Full PDB file with SEQRES, HELIX, SHEET, SSBOND, CRYST1, ORIGX, SCALE, CONECT and MASTER records, all heavy atoms in Angstrom:
SEQRES   1 A   40  LEU ASP ALA ILE ALA GLU GLN ASP PHE LEU ASP LEU VAL          
SEQRES   2 A   40  GLU SER LEU GLU GLU GLU PHE GLN ARG GLU TYR ILE ALA          
SEQRES   3 A   40  GLN GLU VAL ASP ALA ASP HIS ASP ARG VAL VAL ILE VAL          
SEQRES   4 A   40  GLY                                                          
HELIX    1 AA1 ASP A    2  ALA A    5  1                                   4    
HELIX    2 AA2 PHE A    9  GLN A   27  1                                  19    
CRYST1    1.000    1.000    1.000  90.00  90.00  90.00 P 1           1          
ORIGX1      1.000000  0.000000  0.000000        0.00000                         
ORIGX2      0.000000  1.000000  0.000000        0.00000                         
ORIGX3      0.000000  0.000000  1.000000        0.00000                         
SCALE1      1.000000  0.000000  0.000000        0.00000                         
SCALE2      0.000000  1.000000  0.000000        0.00000                         
SCALE3      0.000000  0.000000  1.000000        0.00000                         
ATOM      1  N   LEU A   1     191.964 221.841 -62.294  1.00  0.00           N  
ATOM      2  CA  LEU A   1     190.937 221.231 -61.466  1.00  0.00           C  
ATOM      3  C   LEU A   1     190.412 219.946 -62.095  1.00  0.00           C  
ATOM      4  O   LEU A   1     190.084 218.992 -61.399  1.00  0.00           O  
ATOM      5  CB  LEU A   1     189.787 222.219 -61.253  1.00  0.00           C  
ATOM      6  CG  LEU A   1     190.011 223.301 -60.187  1.00  0.00           C  
ATOM      7  CD1 LEU A   1     188.759 224.153 -60.052  1.00  0.00           C  
ATOM      8  CD2 LEU A   1     190.389 222.688 -58.859  1.00  0.00           C  
ATOM      9  N   ASP A   2     190.318 219.914 -63.423  1.00  0.00           N  
ATOM     10  CA  ASP A   2     189.852 218.702 -64.086  1.00  0.00           C  
ATOM     11  C   ASP A   2     190.821 217.539 -63.841  1.00  0.00           C  
ATOM     12  O   ASP A   2     190.405 216.403 -63.619  1.00  0.00           O  
ATOM     13  CB  ASP A   2     189.698 218.951 -65.592  1.00  0.00           C  
ATOM     14  CG  ASP A   2     188.517 219.865 -65.903  1.00  0.00           C  
ATOM     15  OD1 ASP A   2     187.593 219.929 -65.057  1.00  0.00           O  
ATOM     16  OD2 ASP A   2     188.526 220.511 -66.960  1.00  0.00           O  
ATOM     17  N   ALA A   3     192.133 217.848 -63.860  1.00  0.00           N  
ATOM     18  CA  ALA A   3     193.121 216.796 -63.611  1.00  0.00           C  
ATOM     19  C   ALA A   3     193.034 216.287 -62.174  1.00  0.00           C  
ATOM     20  O   ALA A   3     193.179 215.089 -61.920  1.00  0.00           O  
ATOM     21  CB  ALA A   3     194.525 217.321 -63.910  1.00  0.00           C  
ATOM     22  N   ILE A   4     192.793 217.212 -61.233  1.00  0.00           N  
ATOM     23  CA  ILE A   4     192.622 216.804 -59.838  1.00  0.00           C  
ATOM     24  C   ILE A   4     191.386 215.917 -59.697  1.00  0.00           C  
ATOM     25  O   ILE A   4     191.397 214.880 -59.027  1.00  0.00           O  
ATOM     26  CB  ILE A   4     192.484 218.040 -58.925  1.00  0.00           C  
ATOM     27  CG1 ILE A   4     193.823 218.787 -58.823  1.00  0.00           C  
ATOM     28  CG2 ILE A   4     192.004 217.649 -57.535  1.00  0.00           C  
ATOM     29  CD1 ILE A   4     194.868 218.107 -57.981  1.00  0.00           C  
ATOM     30  N   ALA A   5     190.293 216.314 -60.346  1.00  0.00           N  
ATOM     31  CA  ALA A   5     189.043 215.571 -60.239  1.00  0.00           C  
ATOM     32  C   ALA A   5     189.170 214.175 -60.838  1.00  0.00           C  
ATOM     33  O   ALA A   5     188.486 213.240 -60.409  1.00  0.00           O  
ATOM     34  CB  ALA A   5     187.918 216.340 -60.919  1.00  0.00           C  
ATOM     35  N   GLU A   6     190.039 214.016 -61.836  1.00  0.00           N  
ATOM     36  CA  GLU A   6     190.185 212.726 -62.495  1.00  0.00           C  
ATOM     37  C   GLU A   6     191.064 211.752 -61.706  1.00  0.00           C  
ATOM     38  O   GLU A   6     191.173 210.585 -62.071  1.00  0.00           O  
ATOM     39  CB  GLU A   6     190.776 212.934 -63.894  1.00  0.00           C  
ATOM     40  CG  GLU A   6     189.808 213.621 -64.855  1.00  0.00           C  
ATOM     41  CD  GLU A   6     190.477 214.017 -66.145  1.00  0.00           C  
ATOM     42  OE1 GLU A   6     191.701 213.751 -66.293  1.00  0.00           O  
ATOM     43  OE2 GLU A   6     189.796 214.615 -67.004  1.00  0.00           O  
ATOM     44  N   GLN A   7     191.719 212.234 -60.642  1.00  0.00           N  
ATOM     45  CA  GLN A   7     192.570 211.356 -59.827  1.00  0.00           C  
ATOM     46  C   GLN A   7     191.719 210.262 -59.180  1.00  0.00           C  
ATOM     47  O   GLN A   7     190.656 210.522 -58.633  1.00  0.00           O  
ATOM     48  CB  GLN A   7     193.275 212.165 -58.729  1.00  0.00           C  
ATOM     49  CG  GLN A   7     194.336 213.113 -59.217  1.00  0.00           C  
ATOM     50  CD  GLN A   7     195.636 212.395 -59.550  1.00  0.00           C  
ATOM     51  OE1 GLN A   7     195.902 211.302 -59.053  1.00  0.00           O  
ATOM     52  NE2 GLN A   7     196.442 213.019 -60.396  1.00  0.00           N  
ATOM     53  N   ASP A   8     192.180 209.012 -59.262  1.00  0.00           N  
ATOM     54  CA  ASP A   8     191.490 207.903 -58.587  1.00  0.00           C  
ATOM     55  C   ASP A   8     191.930 207.913 -57.129  1.00  0.00           C  
ATOM     56  O   ASP A   8     192.942 207.317 -56.758  1.00  0.00           O  
ATOM     57  CB  ASP A   8     191.836 206.572 -59.253  1.00  0.00           C  
ATOM     58  CG  ASP A   8     190.957 205.430 -58.739  1.00  0.00           C  
ATOM     59  OD1 ASP A   8     190.477 205.525 -57.595  1.00  0.00           O  
ATOM     60  OD2 ASP A   8     190.763 204.461 -59.488  1.00  0.00           O  
ATOM     61  N   PHE A   9     191.172 208.617 -56.296  1.00  0.00           N  
ATOM     62  CA  PHE A   9     191.563 208.865 -54.909  1.00  0.00           C  
ATOM     63  C   PHE A   9     191.688 207.570 -54.100  1.00  0.00           C  
ATOM     64  O   PHE A   9     192.691 207.325 -53.422  1.00  0.00           O  
ATOM     65  CB  PHE A   9     190.550 209.802 -54.256  1.00  0.00           C  
ATOM     66  CG  PHE A   9     190.733 209.971 -52.782  1.00  0.00           C  
ATOM     67  CD1 PHE A   9     191.887 210.524 -52.262  1.00  0.00           C  
ATOM     68  CD2 PHE A   9     189.751 209.555 -51.896  1.00  0.00           C  
ATOM     69  CE1 PHE A   9     192.063 210.667 -50.907  1.00  0.00           C  
ATOM     70  CE2 PHE A   9     189.908 209.694 -50.538  1.00  0.00           C  
ATOM     71  CZ  PHE A   9     191.068 210.254 -50.037  1.00  0.00           C  
ATOM     72  N   LEU A  10     190.702 206.705 -54.160  1.00  0.00           N  
ATOM     73  CA  LEU A  10     190.730 205.477 -53.360  1.00  0.00           C  
ATOM     74  C   LEU A  10     191.861 204.553 -53.790  1.00  0.00           C  
ATOM     75  O   LEU A  10     192.508 203.914 -52.947  1.00  0.00           O  
ATOM     76  CB  LEU A  10     189.385 204.752 -53.468  1.00  0.00           C  
ATOM     77  CG  LEU A  10     188.198 205.472 -52.824  1.00  0.00           C  
ATOM     78  CD1 LEU A  10     186.926 204.668 -52.986  1.00  0.00           C  
ATOM     79  CD2 LEU A  10     188.482 205.733 -51.337  1.00  0.00           C  
ATOM     80  N   ASP A  11     192.135 204.503 -55.092  1.00  0.00           N  
ATOM     81  CA  ASP A  11     193.250 203.686 -55.566  1.00  0.00           C  
ATOM     82  C   ASP A  11     194.571 204.230 -55.037  1.00  0.00           C  
ATOM     83  O   ASP A  11     195.465 203.469 -54.647  1.00  0.00           O  
ATOM     84  CB  ASP A  11     193.258 203.666 -57.099  1.00  0.00           C  
ATOM     85  CG  ASP A  11     194.370 202.782 -57.651  1.00  0.00           C  
ATOM     86  OD1 ASP A  11     194.315 201.560 -57.420  1.00  0.00           O  
ATOM     87  OD2 ASP A  11     195.291 203.332 -58.287  1.00  0.00           O  
ATOM     88  N   LEU A  12     194.711 205.576 -55.017  1.00  0.00           N  
ATOM     89  CA  LEU A  12     195.927 206.204 -54.478  1.00  0.00           C  
ATOM     90  C   LEU A  12     196.110 205.854 -53.009  1.00  0.00           C  
ATOM     91  O   LEU A  12     197.198 205.449 -52.586  1.00  0.00           O  
ATOM     92  CB  LEU A  12     195.844 207.720 -54.651  1.00  0.00           C  
ATOM     93  CG  LEU A  12     196.937 208.551 -53.966  1.00  0.00           C  
ATOM     94  CD1 LEU A  12     198.305 208.247 -54.559  1.00  0.00           C  
ATOM     95  CD2 LEU A  12     196.628 210.040 -54.050  1.00  0.00           C  
ATOM     96  N   VAL A  13     195.035 205.974 -52.222  1.00  0.00           N  
ATOM     97  CA  VAL A  13     195.123 205.698 -50.788  1.00  0.00           C  
ATOM     98  C   VAL A  13     195.470 204.237 -50.534  1.00  0.00           C  
ATOM     99  O   VAL A  13     196.315 203.914 -49.691  1.00  0.00           O  
ATOM    100  CB  VAL A  13     193.802 206.076 -50.090  1.00  0.00           C  
ATOM    101  CG1 VAL A  13     193.797 205.577 -48.650  1.00  0.00           C  
ATOM    102  CG2 VAL A  13     193.602 207.582 -50.116  1.00  0.00           C  
ATOM    103  N   GLU A  14     194.840 203.333 -51.275  1.00  0.00           N  
ATOM    104  CA  GLU A  14     195.110 201.903 -51.084  1.00  0.00           C  
ATOM    105  C   GLU A  14     196.566 201.569 -51.403  1.00  0.00           C  
ATOM    106  O   GLU A  14     197.215 200.797 -50.677  1.00  0.00           O  
ATOM    107  CB  GLU A  14     194.171 201.082 -51.965  1.00  0.00           C  
ATOM    108  CG  GLU A  14     192.728 201.077 -51.480  1.00  0.00           C  
ATOM    109  CD  GLU A  14     191.807 200.335 -52.431  1.00  0.00           C  
ATOM    110  OE1 GLU A  14     192.326 199.795 -53.447  1.00  0.00           O  
ATOM    111  OE2 GLU A  14     190.592 200.297 -52.177  1.00  0.00           O  
ATOM    112  N   SER A  15     197.101 202.143 -52.472  1.00  0.00           N  
ATOM    113  CA  SER A  15     198.501 201.872 -52.826  1.00  0.00           C  
ATOM    114  C   SER A  15     199.455 202.441 -51.787  1.00  0.00           C  
ATOM    115  O   SER A  15     200.475 201.811 -51.452  1.00  0.00           O  
ATOM    116  CB  SER A  15     198.810 202.460 -54.213  1.00  0.00           C  
ATOM    117  OG  SER A  15     198.680 203.874 -54.212  1.00  0.00           O  
ATOM    118  N   LEU A  16     199.132 203.629 -51.249  1.00  0.00           N  
ATOM    119  CA  LEU A  16     199.979 204.212 -50.206  1.00  0.00           C  
ATOM    120  C   LEU A  16     199.990 203.336 -48.961  1.00  0.00           C  
ATOM    121  O   LEU A  16     201.050 203.068 -48.374  1.00  0.00           O  
ATOM    122  CB  LEU A  16     199.488 205.621 -49.855  1.00  0.00           C  
ATOM    123  CG  LEU A  16     199.728 206.728 -50.891  1.00  0.00           C  
ATOM    124  CD1 LEU A  16     199.094 208.027 -50.420  1.00  0.00           C  
ATOM    125  CD2 LEU A  16     201.215 206.918 -51.141  1.00  0.00           C  
ATOM    126  N   GLU A  17     198.813 202.880 -48.552  1.00  0.00           N  
ATOM    127  CA  GLU A  17     198.741 202.076 -47.327  1.00  0.00           C  
ATOM    128  C   GLU A  17     199.385 200.710 -47.515  1.00  0.00           C  
ATOM    129  O   GLU A  17     199.892 200.133 -46.551  1.00  0.00           O  
ATOM    130  CB  GLU A  17     197.295 201.963 -46.865  1.00  0.00           C  
ATOM    131  CG  GLU A  17     196.755 203.294 -46.335  1.00  0.00           C  
ATOM    132  CD  GLU A  17     195.435 203.159 -45.606  1.00  0.00           C  
ATOM    133  OE1 GLU A  17     194.695 202.191 -45.890  1.00  0.00           O  
ATOM    134  OE2 GLU A  17     195.132 204.024 -44.753  1.00  0.00           O  
ATOM    135  N   GLU A  18     199.397 200.193 -48.727  1.00  0.00           N  
ATOM    136  CA  GLU A  18     200.135 198.960 -48.990  1.00  0.00           C  
ATOM    137  C   GLU A  18     201.627 199.181 -48.781  1.00  0.00           C  
ATOM    138  O   GLU A  18     202.327 198.328 -48.220  1.00  0.00           O  
ATOM    139  CB  GLU A  18     199.862 198.480 -50.421  1.00  0.00           C  
ATOM    140  CG  GLU A  18     198.481 197.862 -50.612  1.00  0.00           C  
ATOM    141  CD  GLU A  18     198.236 197.456 -52.059  1.00  0.00           C  
ATOM    142  OE1 GLU A  18     199.172 197.602 -52.878  1.00  0.00           O  
ATOM    143  OE2 GLU A  18     197.119 197.001 -52.354  1.00  0.00           O  
ATOM    144  N   GLU A  19     202.134 200.338 -49.230  1.00  0.00           N  
ATOM    145  CA  GLU A  19     203.544 200.670 -48.988  1.00  0.00           C  
ATOM    146  C   GLU A  19     203.827 200.781 -47.507  1.00  0.00           C  
ATOM    147  O   GLU A  19     204.836 200.257 -46.999  1.00  0.00           O  
ATOM    148  CB  GLU A  19     203.897 201.990 -49.693  1.00  0.00           C  
ATOM    149  CG  GLU A  19     203.920 201.933 -51.203  1.00  0.00           C  
ATOM    150  CD  GLU A  19     204.350 203.276 -51.782  1.00  0.00           C  
ATOM    151  OE1 GLU A  19     205.226 203.933 -51.184  1.00  0.00           O  
ATOM    152  OE2 GLU A  19     203.787 203.675 -52.820  1.00  0.00           O  
ATOM    153  N   PHE A  20     202.959 201.496 -46.781  1.00  0.00           N  
ATOM    154  CA  PHE A  20     203.164 201.662 -45.350  1.00  0.00           C  
ATOM    155  C   PHE A  20     203.135 200.318 -44.634  1.00  0.00           C  
ATOM    156  O   PHE A  20     203.889 200.085 -43.688  1.00  0.00           O  
ATOM    157  CB  PHE A  20     202.097 202.590 -44.757  1.00  0.00           C  
ATOM    158  CG  PHE A  20     202.152 204.002 -45.287  1.00  0.00           C  
ATOM    159  CD1 PHE A  20     200.998 204.754 -45.414  1.00  0.00           C  
ATOM    160  CD2 PHE A  20     203.344 204.562 -45.672  1.00  0.00           C  
ATOM    161  CE1 PHE A  20     201.048 206.046 -45.902  1.00  0.00           C  
ATOM    162  CE2 PHE A  20     203.414 205.850 -46.161  1.00  0.00           C  
ATOM    163  CZ  PHE A  20     202.251 206.600 -46.282  1.00  0.00           C  
ATOM    164  N   GLN A  21     202.236 199.424 -45.091  1.00  0.00           N  
ATOM    165  CA  GLN A  21     202.141 198.104 -44.468  1.00  0.00           C  
ATOM    166  C   GLN A  21     203.444 197.341 -44.649  1.00  0.00           C  
ATOM    167  O   GLN A  21     203.942 196.712 -43.705  1.00  0.00           O  
ATOM    168  CB  GLN A  21     200.982 197.324 -45.085  1.00  0.00           C  
ATOM    169  CG  GLN A  21     200.776 195.932 -44.504  1.00  0.00           C  
ATOM    170  CD  GLN A  21     200.269 195.970 -43.086  1.00  0.00           C  
ATOM    171  OE1 GLN A  21     199.533 196.860 -42.714  1.00  0.00           O  
ATOM    172  NE2 GLN A  21     200.685 195.020 -42.276  1.00  0.00           N  
ATOM    173  N   ARG A  22     204.030 197.412 -45.850  1.00  0.00           N  
ATOM    174  CA  ARG A  22     205.306 196.723 -46.088  1.00  0.00           C  
ATOM    175  C   ARG A  22     206.412 197.301 -45.220  1.00  0.00           C  
ATOM    176  O   ARG A  22     207.222 196.567 -44.641  1.00  0.00           O  
ATOM    177  CB  ARG A  22     205.687 196.820 -47.567  1.00  0.00           C  
ATOM    178  CG  ARG A  22     204.851 195.930 -48.476  1.00  0.00           C  
ATOM    179  CD  ARG A  22     205.476 195.834 -49.854  1.00  0.00           C  
ATOM    180  NE  ARG A  22     205.442 197.113 -50.548  1.00  0.00           N  
ATOM    181  CZ  ARG A  22     204.453 197.490 -51.345  1.00  0.00           C  
ATOM    182  NH1 ARG A  22     203.415 196.698 -51.543  1.00  0.00           N  
ATOM    183  NH2 ARG A  22     204.496 198.659 -51.965  1.00  0.00           N  
ATOM    184  N   GLU A  23     206.468 198.641 -45.119  1.00  0.00           N  
ATOM    185  CA  GLU A  23     207.492 199.274 -44.296  1.00  0.00           C  
ATOM    186  C   GLU A  23     207.281 198.956 -42.822  1.00  0.00           C  
ATOM    187  O   GLU A  23     208.220 198.749 -42.061  1.00  0.00           O  
ATOM    188  CB  GLU A  23     207.476 200.792 -44.518  1.00  0.00           C  
ATOM    189  CG  GLU A  23     207.845 201.221 -45.925  1.00  0.00           C  
ATOM    190  CD  GLU A  23     209.279 200.858 -46.278  1.00  0.00           C  
ATOM    191  OE1 GLU A  23     210.098 200.731 -45.356  1.00  0.00           O  
ATOM    192  OE2 GLU A  23     209.572 200.672 -47.464  1.00  0.00           O  
ATOM    193  N   TYR A  24     206.024 198.910 -42.410  1.00  0.00           N  
ATOM    194  CA  TYR A  24     205.698 198.615 -41.008  1.00  0.00           C  
ATOM    195  C   TYR A  24     206.163 197.213 -40.637  1.00  0.00           C  
ATOM    196  O   TYR A  24     206.754 196.993 -39.581  1.00  0.00           O  
ATOM    197  CB  TYR A  24     204.199 198.757 -40.801  1.00  0.00           C  
ATOM    198  CG  TYR A  24     203.725 198.500 -39.390  1.00  0.00           C  
ATOM    199  CD1 TYR A  24     203.896 199.452 -38.397  1.00  0.00           C  
ATOM    200  CD2 TYR A  24     203.104 197.306 -39.064  1.00  0.00           C  
ATOM    201  CE1 TYR A  24     203.455 199.219 -37.102  1.00  0.00           C  
ATOM    202  CE2 TYR A  24     202.660 197.057 -37.783  1.00  0.00           C  
ATOM    203  CZ  TYR A  24     202.836 198.025 -36.798  1.00  0.00           C  
ATOM    204  OH  TYR A  24     202.404 197.782 -35.525  1.00  0.00           O  
ATOM    205  N   ILE A  25     205.921 196.254 -41.518  1.00  0.00           N  
ATOM    206  CA  ILE A  25     206.355 194.882 -41.261  1.00  0.00           C  
ATOM    207  C   ILE A  25     207.881 194.815 -41.243  1.00  0.00           C  
ATOM    208  O   ILE A  25     208.485 194.118 -40.423  1.00  0.00           O  
ATOM    209  CB  ILE A  25     205.780 193.943 -42.327  1.00  0.00           C  
ATOM    210  CG1 ILE A  25     204.255 193.877 -42.190  1.00  0.00           C  
ATOM    211  CG2 ILE A  25     206.386 192.553 -42.225  1.00  0.00           C  
ATOM    212  CD1 ILE A  25     203.573 193.109 -43.301  1.00  0.00           C  
ATOM    213  N   ALA A  26     208.527 195.582 -42.131  1.00  0.00           N  
ATOM    214  CA  ALA A  26     209.993 195.582 -42.186  1.00  0.00           C  
ATOM    215  C   ALA A  26     210.620 196.108 -40.909  1.00  0.00           C  
ATOM    216  O   ALA A  26     211.742 195.736 -40.552  1.00  0.00           O  
ATOM    217  CB  ALA A  26     210.472 196.402 -43.383  1.00  0.00           C  
ATOM    218  N   GLN A  27     209.897 196.986 -40.211  1.00  0.00           N  
ATOM    219  CA  GLN A  27     210.449 197.558 -38.977  1.00  0.00           C  
ATOM    220  C   GLN A  27     210.504 196.537 -37.850  1.00  0.00           C  
ATOM    221  O   GLN A  27     211.243 196.707 -36.886  1.00  0.00           O  
ATOM    222  CB  GLN A  27     209.605 198.753 -38.531  1.00  0.00           C  
ATOM    223  CG  GLN A  27     209.804 199.978 -39.374  1.00  0.00           C  
ATOM    224  CD  GLN A  27     208.925 201.124 -38.902  1.00  0.00           C  
ATOM    225  OE1 GLN A  27     208.130 200.986 -37.980  1.00  0.00           O  
ATOM    226  NE2 GLN A  27     209.071 202.263 -39.527  1.00  0.00           N  
ATOM    227  N   GLU A  28     209.689 195.462 -37.957  1.00  0.00           N  
ATOM    228  CA  GLU A  28     209.640 194.424 -36.921  1.00  0.00           C  
ATOM    229  C   GLU A  28     209.445 195.047 -35.548  1.00  0.00           C  
ATOM    230  O   GLU A  28     210.237 194.872 -34.618  1.00  0.00           O  
ATOM    231  CB  GLU A  28     210.915 193.576 -36.936  1.00  0.00           C  
ATOM    232  CG  GLU A  28     211.129 192.857 -38.243  1.00  0.00           C  
ATOM    233  CD  GLU A  28     212.430 192.079 -38.264  1.00  0.00           C  
ATOM    234  OE1 GLU A  28     213.284 192.330 -37.393  1.00  0.00           O  
ATOM    235  OE2 GLU A  28     212.597 191.243 -39.152  1.00  0.00           O  
ATOM    236  N   VAL A  29     208.374 195.797 -35.430  1.00  0.00           N  
ATOM    237  CA  VAL A  29     208.085 196.505 -34.186  1.00  0.00           C  
ATOM    238  C   VAL A  29     207.832 195.510 -33.070  1.00  0.00           C  
ATOM    239  O   VAL A  29     207.031 194.593 -33.213  1.00  0.00           O  
ATOM    240  CB  VAL A  29     206.862 197.431 -34.365  1.00  0.00           C  
ATOM    241  CG1 VAL A  29     206.501 198.099 -33.058  1.00  0.00           C  
ATOM    242  CG2 VAL A  29     207.152 198.461 -35.440  1.00  0.00           C  
ATOM    243  N   ASP A  30     208.511 195.671 -31.958  1.00  0.00           N  
ATOM    244  CA  ASP A  30     208.326 194.826 -30.779  1.00  0.00           C  
ATOM    245  C   ASP A  30     207.297 195.477 -29.877  1.00  0.00           C  
ATOM    246  O   ASP A  30     207.538 196.529 -29.298  1.00  0.00           O  
ATOM    247  CB  ASP A  30     209.661 194.668 -30.028  1.00  0.00           C  
ATOM    248  CG  ASP A  30     209.561 193.637 -28.913  1.00  0.00           C  
ATOM    249  OD1 ASP A  30     208.430 193.267 -28.536  1.00  0.00           O  
ATOM    250  OD2 ASP A  30     210.618 193.205 -28.420  1.00  0.00           O  
ATOM    251  N   ALA A  31     206.151 194.840 -29.756  1.00  0.00           N  
ATOM    252  CA  ALA A  31     205.063 195.425 -28.970  1.00  0.00           C  
ATOM    253  C   ALA A  31     205.390 195.499 -27.489  1.00  0.00           C  
ATOM    254  O   ALA A  31     204.746 196.235 -26.742  1.00  0.00           O  
ATOM    255  CB  ALA A  31     203.777 194.622 -29.187  1.00  0.00           C  
ATOM    256  N   ASP A  32     206.392 194.712 -27.041  1.00  0.00           N  
ATOM    257  CA  ASP A  32     206.735 194.700 -25.626  1.00  0.00           C  
ATOM    258  C   ASP A  32     207.650 195.852 -25.238  1.00  0.00           C  
ATOM    259  O   ASP A  32     207.958 196.026 -24.062  1.00  0.00           O  
ATOM    260  CB  ASP A  32     207.414 193.371 -25.257  1.00  0.00           C  
ATOM    261  CG  ASP A  32     206.458 192.192 -25.398  1.00  0.00           C  
ATOM    262  OD1 ASP A  32     205.240 192.416 -25.256  1.00  0.00           O  
ATOM    263  OD2 ASP A  32     206.930 191.077 -25.661  1.00  0.00           O  
ATOM    264  N   HIS A  33     208.137 196.608 -26.205  1.00  0.00           N  
ATOM    265  CA  HIS A  33     209.054 197.693 -25.926  1.00  0.00           C  
ATOM    266  C   HIS A  33     208.463 199.020 -26.408  1.00  0.00           C  
ATOM    267  O   HIS A  33     207.944 199.102 -27.529  1.00  0.00           O  
ATOM    268  CB  HIS A  33     210.400 197.464 -26.622  1.00  0.00           C  
ATOM    269  CG  HIS A  33     211.193 196.337 -26.034  1.00  0.00           C  
ATOM    270  ND1 HIS A  33     210.878 195.019 -26.258  1.00  0.00           N  
ATOM    271  CD2 HIS A  33     212.280 196.336 -25.209  1.00  0.00           C  
ATOM    272  CE1 HIS A  33     211.745 194.254 -25.610  1.00  0.00           C  
ATOM    273  NE2 HIS A  33     212.596 195.022 -24.975  1.00  0.00           N  
ATOM    274  N   ASP A  34     208.582 200.021 -25.566  1.00  0.00           N  
ATOM    275  CA  ASP A  34     208.190 201.361 -25.997  1.00  0.00           C  
ATOM    276  C   ASP A  34     209.185 201.871 -27.028  1.00  0.00           C  
ATOM    277  O   ASP A  34     210.398 201.662 -26.901  1.00  0.00           O  
ATOM    278  CB  ASP A  34     208.152 202.316 -24.796  1.00  0.00           C  
ATOM    279  CG  ASP A  34     206.916 202.125 -23.945  1.00  0.00           C  
ATOM    280  OD1 ASP A  34     205.828 201.987 -24.523  1.00  0.00           O  
ATOM    281  OD2 ASP A  34     207.039 202.118 -22.711  1.00  0.00           O  
ATOM    282  N   ARG A  35     208.671 202.548 -28.041  1.00  0.00           N  
ATOM    283  CA  ARG A  35     209.507 203.186 -29.051  1.00  0.00           C  
ATOM    284  C   ARG A  35     209.575 204.666 -28.689  1.00  0.00           C  
ATOM    285  O   ARG A  35     208.567 205.367 -28.736  1.00  0.00           O  
ATOM    286  CB  ARG A  35     208.923 202.967 -30.449  1.00  0.00           C  
ATOM    287  CG  ARG A  35     208.936 201.499 -30.866  1.00  0.00           C  
ATOM    288  CD  ARG A  35     208.120 201.254 -32.126  1.00  0.00           C  
ATOM    289  NE  ARG A  35     208.607 202.032 -33.263  1.00  0.00           N  
ATOM    290  CZ  ARG A  35     209.646 201.709 -34.012  1.00  0.00           C  
ATOM    291  NH1 ARG A  35     210.329 200.600 -33.746  1.00  0.00           N  
ATOM    292  NH2 ARG A  35     210.013 202.462 -35.031  1.00  0.00           N  
ATOM    293  N   VAL A  36     210.770 205.131 -28.325  1.00  0.00           N  
ATOM    294  CA  VAL A  36     210.908 206.378 -27.576  1.00  0.00           C  
ATOM    295  C   VAL A  36     211.672 207.433 -28.360  1.00  0.00           C  
ATOM    296  O   VAL A  36     212.690 207.144 -28.995  1.00  0.00           O  
ATOM    297  CB  VAL A  36     211.625 206.116 -26.230  1.00  0.00           C  
ATOM    298  CG1 VAL A  36     211.731 207.402 -25.414  1.00  0.00           C  
ATOM    299  CG2 VAL A  36     210.890 205.037 -25.438  1.00  0.00           C  
ATOM    300  N   VAL A  37     211.163 208.656 -28.288  1.00  0.00           N  
ATOM    301  CA  VAL A  37     211.896 209.844 -28.729  1.00  0.00           C  
ATOM    302  C   VAL A  37     212.264 210.638 -27.482  1.00  0.00           C  
ATOM    303  O   VAL A  37     211.404 210.928 -26.648  1.00  0.00           O  
ATOM    304  CB  VAL A  37     211.049 210.716 -29.680  1.00  0.00           C  
ATOM    305  CG1 VAL A  37     211.753 212.046 -29.949  1.00  0.00           C  
ATOM    306  CG2 VAL A  37     210.797 209.989 -30.989  1.00  0.00           C  
ATOM    307  N   ILE A  38     213.531 210.967 -27.331  1.00  0.00           N  
ATOM    308  CA  ILE A  38     214.030 211.730 -26.188  1.00  0.00           C  
ATOM    309  C   ILE A  38     214.096 213.208 -26.570  1.00  0.00           C  
ATOM    310  O   ILE A  38     214.511 213.550 -27.682  1.00  0.00           O  
ATOM    311  CB  ILE A  38     215.417 211.219 -25.761  1.00  0.00           C  
ATOM    312  CG1 ILE A  38     215.296 209.848 -25.080  1.00  0.00           C  
ATOM    313  CG2 ILE A  38     216.105 212.199 -24.836  1.00  0.00           C  
ATOM    314  CD1 ILE A  38     216.629 209.246 -24.743  1.00  0.00           C  
ATOM    315  N   VAL A  39     213.711 214.072 -25.640  1.00  0.00           N  
ATOM    316  CA  VAL A  39     213.766 215.515 -25.872  1.00  0.00           C  
ATOM    317  C   VAL A  39     214.557 216.165 -24.739  1.00  0.00           C  
ATOM    318  O   VAL A  39     214.243 215.961 -23.562  1.00  0.00           O  
ATOM    319  CB  VAL A  39     212.354 216.135 -25.945  1.00  0.00           C  
ATOM    320  CG1 VAL A  39     212.456 217.633 -26.212  1.00  0.00           C  
ATOM    321  CG2 VAL A  39     211.519 215.459 -27.016  1.00  0.00           C  
ATOM    322  N   GLY A  40     215.577 216.935 -25.103  1.00  0.00           N  
ATOM    323  CA  GLY A  40     216.384 217.635 -24.115  1.00  0.00           C  
ATOM    324  C   GLY A  40     216.386 219.136 -24.368  1.00  0.00           C  
ATOM    325  O   GLY A  40     216.271 219.584 -25.517  1.00  0.00           O  
TER     326      GLY A  40                                                      
MASTER        0    0    0    2    0    0    0    6  325    1    0    4          
END                                                                             
């Protein structure tokens, strides 16, 4: 529990969202097109 408590939570979240932001930009999402999952 002490190790969990010592985790810098906000720093972890910020670094994760920076990664997601880079991946999101890499996807080059086209806002004019729906991104679709088909289910059969």
